[in-house]
Amino acid sequence: MTTGYISIGSNIDRDKNIPSSLNAIKQLFGDIIVSSVYETAPVGFDGDNFYNLIVGFQSQLEAKAIAKQLKQIELDHGRTHNSQKFSSRTLDLDLVLYGDQIIHEGRLQIPRDEIEHYAFVLEPLAEVAGASQHPVSKKNYADMWRQFDKSGLQQKKIKVDWLSV
């Protein structure tokens, strides 16, 4: 079994779409590990704040098959094929890590660059996989988070009543 991590984000009907996506992910993979939920301002555009979190899971599937299933969950939650990168969204599911694999095949990029660049990915990843190592830099995520530039950080951990997966 390979351990993978999915970044989840939503700023449209987020109290409905994120719990629903967690249920869909749990149906695919069984037991999952869920980070805290972080509320963050949108990056690159004006819009409502996002909820972001990381989910850990185990699977024997290939990364490409998992990415395809995640895309279908997004579509099932109202995301369109032609959605812009920096725009509001019902649901954004990205396979950010899959074991120690390094994959660069079209849109499938593992590990995702977002891990090193965005607090809304790195902080929850450090929370659930702090001792794990980045497959390229070989740094563990807890150390990466400690070293992350937090100046001007507008992200806060929040409590949500639906987080009982």
C-alpha atoms as a PDB file:
ATOM      1  CA  MET A   1       0.000   0.000   0.000  1.00  0.00           C
ATOM      2  CA  THR A   2       1.163   3.498  -0.823  1.00  0.00           C
ATOM      3  CA  THR A   3       0.349   6.489   1.379  1.00  0.00           C
ATOM      4  CA  GLY A   4      -0.946   9.535  -0.449  1.00  0.00           C
ATOM      5  CA  TYR A   5      -2.068  13.020   0.498  1.00  0.00           C
ATOM      6  CA  ILE A   6      -4.810  15.108  -1.070  1.00  0.00           C
ATOM      7  CA  SER A   7      -5.115  18.878  -0.734  1.00  0.00           C
ATOM      8  CA  ILE A   8      -8.768  19.952  -0.490  1.00  0.00           C
ATOM      9  CA  GLY A   9     -10.043  23.482  -0.966  1.00  0.00           C
ATOM     10  CA  SER A  10     -13.392  25.176  -1.493  1.00  0.00           C
ATOM     11  CA  ASN A  11     -14.796  28.688  -1.310  1.00  0.00           C
ATOM     12  CA  ILE A  12     -18.245  28.024  -2.794  1.00  0.00           C
ATOM     13  CA  ASP A  13     -20.695  26.196  -0.494  1.00  0.00           C
ATOM     14  CA  ARG A  14     -17.635  25.029   1.407  1.00  0.00           C
ATOM     15  CA  ASP A  15     -19.633  23.754   4.421  1.00  0.00           C
ATOM     16  CA  LYS A  16     -21.452  21.410   2.055  1.00  0.00           C
ATOM     17  CA  ASN A  17     -18.785  20.532  -0.518  1.00  0.00           C
ATOM     18  CA  ILE A  18     -15.895  19.674   1.778  1.00  0.00           C
ATOM     19  CA  PRO A  19     -17.772  17.213   4.032  1.00  0.00           C
ATOM     20  CA  SER A  20     -19.320  15.645   0.943  1.00  0.00           C
ATOM     21  CA  SER A  21     -15.898  15.267  -0.677  1.00  0.00           C
ATOM     22  CA  LEU A  22     -14.506  13.704   2.517  1.00  0.00           C
ATOM     23  CA  ASN A  23     -17.285  11.117   2.371  1.00  0.00           C
ATOM     24  CA  ALA A  24     -16.509  10.404  -1.290  1.00  0.00           C
ATOM     25  CA  ILE A  25     -12.786  10.024  -0.540  1.00  0.00           C
ATOM     26  CA  LYS A  26     -13.550   7.745   2.391  1.00  0.00           C
ATOM     27  CA  GLN A  27     -15.707   5.577   0.104  1.00  0.00           C
ATOM     28  CA  LEU A  28     -12.749   5.235  -2.279  1.00  0.00           C
ATOM     29  CA  PHE A  29      -9.992   4.551   0.223  1.00  0.00           C
ATOM     30  CA  GLY A  30     -11.564   3.536   3.534  1.00  0.00           C
ATOM     31  CA  ASP A  31      -9.851   4.983   6.575  1.00  0.00           C
ATOM     32  CA  ILE A  32      -8.459   8.462   6.039  1.00  0.00           C
ATOM     33  CA  ILE A  33      -6.467  10.914   8.132  1.00  0.00           C
ATOM     34  CA  VAL A  34      -7.878  14.436   8.123  1.00  0.00           C
ATOM     35  CA  SER A  35      -5.965  17.572   9.115  1.00  0.00           C
ATOM     36  CA  SER A  36      -7.463  20.573  10.787  1.00  0.00           C
ATOM     37  CA  VAL A  37      -9.352  22.981   8.541  1.00  0.00           C
ATOM     38  CA  TYR A  38      -7.662  26.280   7.708  1.00  0.00           C
ATOM     39  CA  GLU A  39      -9.460  29.374   6.482  1.00  0.00           C
ATOM     40  CA  THR A  40      -7.437  31.369   3.977  1.00  0.00           C
ATOM     41  CA  ALA A  41      -7.890  34.326   1.693  1.00  0.00           C
ATOM     42  CA  PRO A  42      -7.880  33.528  -2.030  1.00  0.00           C
ATOM     43  CA  VAL A  43      -4.516  33.711  -3.795  1.00  0.00           C
ATOM     44  CA  GLY A  44      -4.304  35.550  -7.107  1.00  0.00           C
ATOM     45  CA  PHE A  45      -7.894  36.846  -7.199  1.00  0.00           C
ATOM     46  CA  ASP A  46     -10.623  38.492  -5.119  1.00  0.00           C
ATOM     47  CA  GLY A  47     -13.299  36.205  -3.701  1.00  0.00           C
ATOM     48  CA  ASP A  48     -14.651  34.522  -0.610  1.00  0.00           C
ATOM     49  CA  ASN A  49     -12.237  32.838   1.782  1.00  0.00           C
ATOM     50  CA  PHE A  50     -11.336  29.206   1.261  1.00  0.00           C
ATOM     51  CA  TYR A  51     -11.426  26.260   3.604  1.00  0.00           C
ATOM     52  CA  ASN A  52      -8.303  24.139   3.068  1.00  0.00           C
ATOM     53  CA  LEU A  53      -7.159  20.844   4.541  1.00  0.00           C
ATOM     54  CA  ILE A  54      -5.114  17.740   3.786  1.00  0.00           C
ATOM     55  CA  VAL A  55      -6.361  14.156   3.744  1.00  0.00           C
ATOM     56  CA  GLY A  56      -4.074  11.144   4.022  1.00  0.00           C
ATOM     57  CA  PHE A  57      -5.040   7.734   2.632  1.00  0.00           C
ATOM     58  CA  GLN A  58      -3.582   4.425   1.498  1.00  0.00           C
ATOM     59  CA  SER A  59      -4.098   2.749  -1.854  1.00  0.00           C
ATOM     60  CA  GLN A  60      -2.659   0.271  -4.306  1.00  0.00           C
ATOM     61  CA  LEU A  61      -3.912   2.253  -7.310  1.00  0.00           C
ATOM     62  CA  GLU A  62      -1.607   4.130  -9.652  1.00  0.00           C
ATOM     63  CA  ALA A  63      -1.367   7.889  -9.114  1.00  0.00           C
ATOM     64  CA  LYS A  64      -2.949   8.592 -12.503  1.00  0.00           C
ATOM     65  CA  ALA A  65      -6.030   6.529 -11.581  1.00  0.00           C
ATOM     66  CA  ILE A  66      -6.367   8.359  -8.261  1.00  0.00           C
ATOM     67  CA  ALA A  67      -6.072  11.756  -9.966  1.00  0.00           C
ATOM     68  CA  LYS A  68      -8.837  10.720 -12.381  1.00  0.00           C
ATOM     69  CA  GLN A  69     -11.103   9.727  -9.471  1.00  0.00           C
ATOM     70  CA  LEU A  70     -10.429  13.035  -7.728  1.00  0.00           C
ATOM     71  CA  LYS A  71     -11.304  14.915 -10.916  1.00  0.00           C
ATOM     72  CA  GLN A  72     -14.627  13.047 -11.032  1.00  0.00           C
ATOM     73  CA  ILE A  73     -15.383  13.997  -7.419  1.00  0.00           C
ATOM     74  CA  GLU A  74     -14.727  17.643  -8.352  1.00  0.00           C
ATOM     75  CA  LEU A  75     -17.101  17.385 -11.312  1.00  0.00           C
ATOM     76  CA  ASP A  76     -19.726  15.697  -9.114  1.00  0.00           C
ATOM     77  CA  HIS A  77     -19.511  18.753  -6.861  1.00  0.00           C
ATOM     78  CA  GLY A  78     -20.190  21.277  -9.612  1.00  0.00           C
ATOM     79  CA  ARG A  79     -16.698  22.060 -10.842  1.00  0.00           C
ATOM     80  CA  THR A  80     -16.442  22.547 -14.585  1.00  0.00           C
ATOM     81  CA  HIS A  81     -13.734  21.309 -16.944  1.00  0.00           C
ATOM     82  CA  ASN A  82     -12.844  24.850 -17.994  1.00  0.00           C
ATOM     83  CA  SER A  83     -12.464  26.455 -14.554  1.00  0.00           C
ATOM     84  CA  GLN A  84      -9.661  28.993 -14.281  1.00  0.00           C
ATOM     85  CA  LYS A  85      -6.655  28.417 -11.997  1.00  0.00           C
ATOM     86  CA  PHE A  86      -7.114  31.587  -9.946  1.00  0.00           C
ATOM     87  CA  SER A  87     -10.880  31.630  -9.424  1.00  0.00           C
ATOM     88  CA  SER A  88     -13.563  30.651  -6.949  1.00  0.00           C
ATOM     89  CA  ARG A  89     -14.388  26.958  -6.918  1.00  0.00           C
ATOM     90  CA  THR A  90     -16.841  24.511  -5.463  1.00  0.00           C
ATOM     91  CA  LEU A  91     -14.072  21.998  -4.868  1.00  0.00           C
ATOM     92  CA  ASP A  92     -10.376  21.617  -5.619  1.00  0.00           C
ATOM     93  CA  LEU A  93      -8.800  18.201  -4.999  1.00  0.00           C
ATOM     94  CA  ASP A  94      -5.101  17.786  -5.742  1.00  0.00           C
ATOM     95  CA  LEU A  95      -3.026  14.678  -5.170  1.00  0.00           C
ATOM     96  CA  VAL A  96       0.010  16.437  -3.693  1.00  0.00           C
ATOM     97  CA  LEU A  97       2.044  13.380  -2.656  1.00  0.00           C
ATOM     98  CA  TYR A  98       1.957   9.669  -3.375  1.00  0.00           C
ATOM     99  CA  GLY A  99       4.595   7.721  -1.507  1.00  0.00           C
ATOM    100  CA  ASP A 100       8.027   8.874  -2.628  1.00  0.00           C
ATOM    101  CA  GLN A 101       6.982   9.068  -6.258  1.00  0.00           C
ATOM    102  CA  ILE A 102       8.134  11.893  -8.517  1.00  0.00           C
ATOM    103  CA  ILE A 103       5.789  12.268 -11.490  1.00  0.00           C
ATOM    104  CA  HIS A 104       5.682  14.955 -14.180  1.00  0.00           C
ATOM    105  CA  GLU A 105       3.138  13.800 -16.758  1.00  0.00           C
ATOM    106  CA  GLY A 106       1.086  16.643 -18.191  1.00  0.00           C
ATOM    107  CA  ARG A 107      -1.230  17.947 -15.470  1.00  0.00           C
ATOM    108  CA  LEU A 108      -0.164  15.253 -13.006  1.00  0.00           C
ATOM    109  CA  GLN A 109       2.661  16.732 -10.937  1.00  0.00           C
ATOM    110  CA  ILE A 110       3.801  14.864  -7.831  1.00  0.00           C
ATOM    111  CA  PRO A 111       5.019  16.227  -5.519  1.00  0.00           C
ATOM    112  CA  ARG A 112       3.011  19.369  -6.148  1.00  0.00           C
ATOM    113  CA  ASP A 113       4.933  22.652  -6.110  1.00  0.00           C
ATOM    114  CA  GLU A 114       2.208  24.099  -3.878  1.00  0.00           C
ATOM    115  CA  ILE A 115       3.677  22.193  -0.919  1.00  0.00           C
ATOM    116  CA  GLU A 116       6.687  24.501  -0.814  1.00  0.00           C
ATOM    117  CA  HIS A 117       4.905  27.709  -1.818  1.00  0.00           C
ATOM    118  CA  TYR A 118       1.561  27.881  -0.011  1.00  0.00           C
ATOM    119  CA  ALA A 119       0.923  27.771   3.736  1.00  0.00           C
ATOM    120  CA  PHE A 120      -2.572  26.380   3.111  1.00  0.00           C
ATOM    121  CA  VAL A 121      -0.944  23.201   1.764  1.00  0.00           C
ATOM    122  CA  LEU A 122       2.210  22.960   3.865  1.00  0.00           C
ATOM    123  CA  GLU A 123       0.757  23.660   7.333  1.00  0.00           C
ATOM    124  CA  PRO A 124      -1.949  20.960   7.249  1.00  0.00           C
ATOM    125  CA  LEU A 125       0.512  18.559   5.567  1.00  0.00           C
ATOM    126  CA  ALA A 126       3.025  19.162   8.363  1.00  0.00           C
ATOM    127  CA  GLU A 127       0.215  18.505  10.833  1.00  0.00           C
ATOM    128  CA  VAL A 128      -0.649  15.036   9.472  1.00  0.00           C
ATOM    129  CA  ALA A 129       2.699  13.987   7.952  1.00  0.00           C
ATOM    130  CA  GLY A 130       5.293  16.093   9.760  1.00  0.00           C
ATOM    131  CA  ALA A 131       7.933  13.355   9.966  1.00  0.00           C
ATOM    132  CA  SER A 132       7.565  12.334   6.303  1.00  0.00           C
ATOM    133  CA  GLN A 133      10.150  13.558   3.814  1.00  0.00           C
ATOM    134  CA  HIS A 134       9.624  15.516   0.630  1.00  0.00           C
ATOM    135  CA  PRO A 135      10.711  13.161  -2.183  1.00  0.00           C
ATOM    136  CA  VAL A 136      12.903  15.815  -3.847  1.00  0.00           C
ATOM    137  CA  SER A 137      14.321  18.028  -1.086  1.00  0.00           C
ATOM    138  CA  LYS A 138      14.422  15.192   1.488  1.00  0.00           C
ATOM    139  CA  LYS A 139      13.332  17.696   4.171  1.00  0.00           C
ATOM    140  CA  ASN A 140      10.549  16.624   6.489  1.00  0.00           C
ATOM    141  CA  TYR A 141       7.332  18.620   6.399  1.00  0.00           C
ATOM    142  CA  ALA A 142       7.501  19.715  10.044  1.00  0.00           C
ATOM    143  CA  ASP A 143      10.911  21.302   9.405  1.00  0.00           C
ATOM    144  CA  MET A 144       9.681  22.825   6.146  1.00  0.00           C
ATOM    145  CA  TRP A 145       6.774  24.420   8.033  1.00  0.00           C
ATOM    146  CA  ARG A 146       9.050  25.744  10.793  1.00  0.00           C
ATOM    147  CA  GLN A 147      11.262  27.350   8.127  1.00  0.00           C
ATOM    148  CA  PHE A 148       8.355  28.700   6.052  1.00  0.00           C
ATOM    149  CA  ASP A 149       8.140  32.499   5.781  1.00  0.00           C
ATOM    150  CA  LYS A 150       5.050  33.293   7.844  1.00  0.00           C
ATOM    151  CA  SER A 151       5.289  37.081   7.533  1.00  0.00           C
ATOM    152  CA  GLY A 152       1.948  38.444   6.392  1.00  0.00           C
ATOM    153  CA  LEU A 153       0.335  35.020   6.764  1.00  0.00           C
ATOM    154  CA  GLN A 154      -3.455  35.334   6.727  1.00  0.00           C
ATOM    155  CA  GLN A 155      -4.428  31.808   7.583  1.00  0.00           C
ATOM    156  CA  LYS A 156      -6.138  30.497  10.676  1.00  0.00           C
ATOM    157  CA  LYS A 157      -7.086  27.083  11.980  1.00  0.00           C
ATOM    158  CA  ILE A 158     -10.823  26.924  12.533  1.00  0.00           C
ATOM    159  CA  LYS A 159     -13.319  24.607  14.181  1.00  0.00           C
ATOM    160  CA  VAL A 160     -16.054  23.139  12.007  1.00  0.00           C
ATOM    161  CA  ASP A 161     -18.895  21.002  13.304  1.00  0.00           C
ATOM    162  CA  TRP A 162     -18.843  18.638  10.305  1.00  0.00           C
ATOM    163  CA  LEU A 163     -15.269  17.459  10.829  1.00  0.00           C
ATOM    164  CA  SER A 164     -16.090  14.065  12.340  1.00  0.00           C
ATOM    165  CA  VAL A 165     -14.928  11.799   9.531  1.00  0.00           C
END
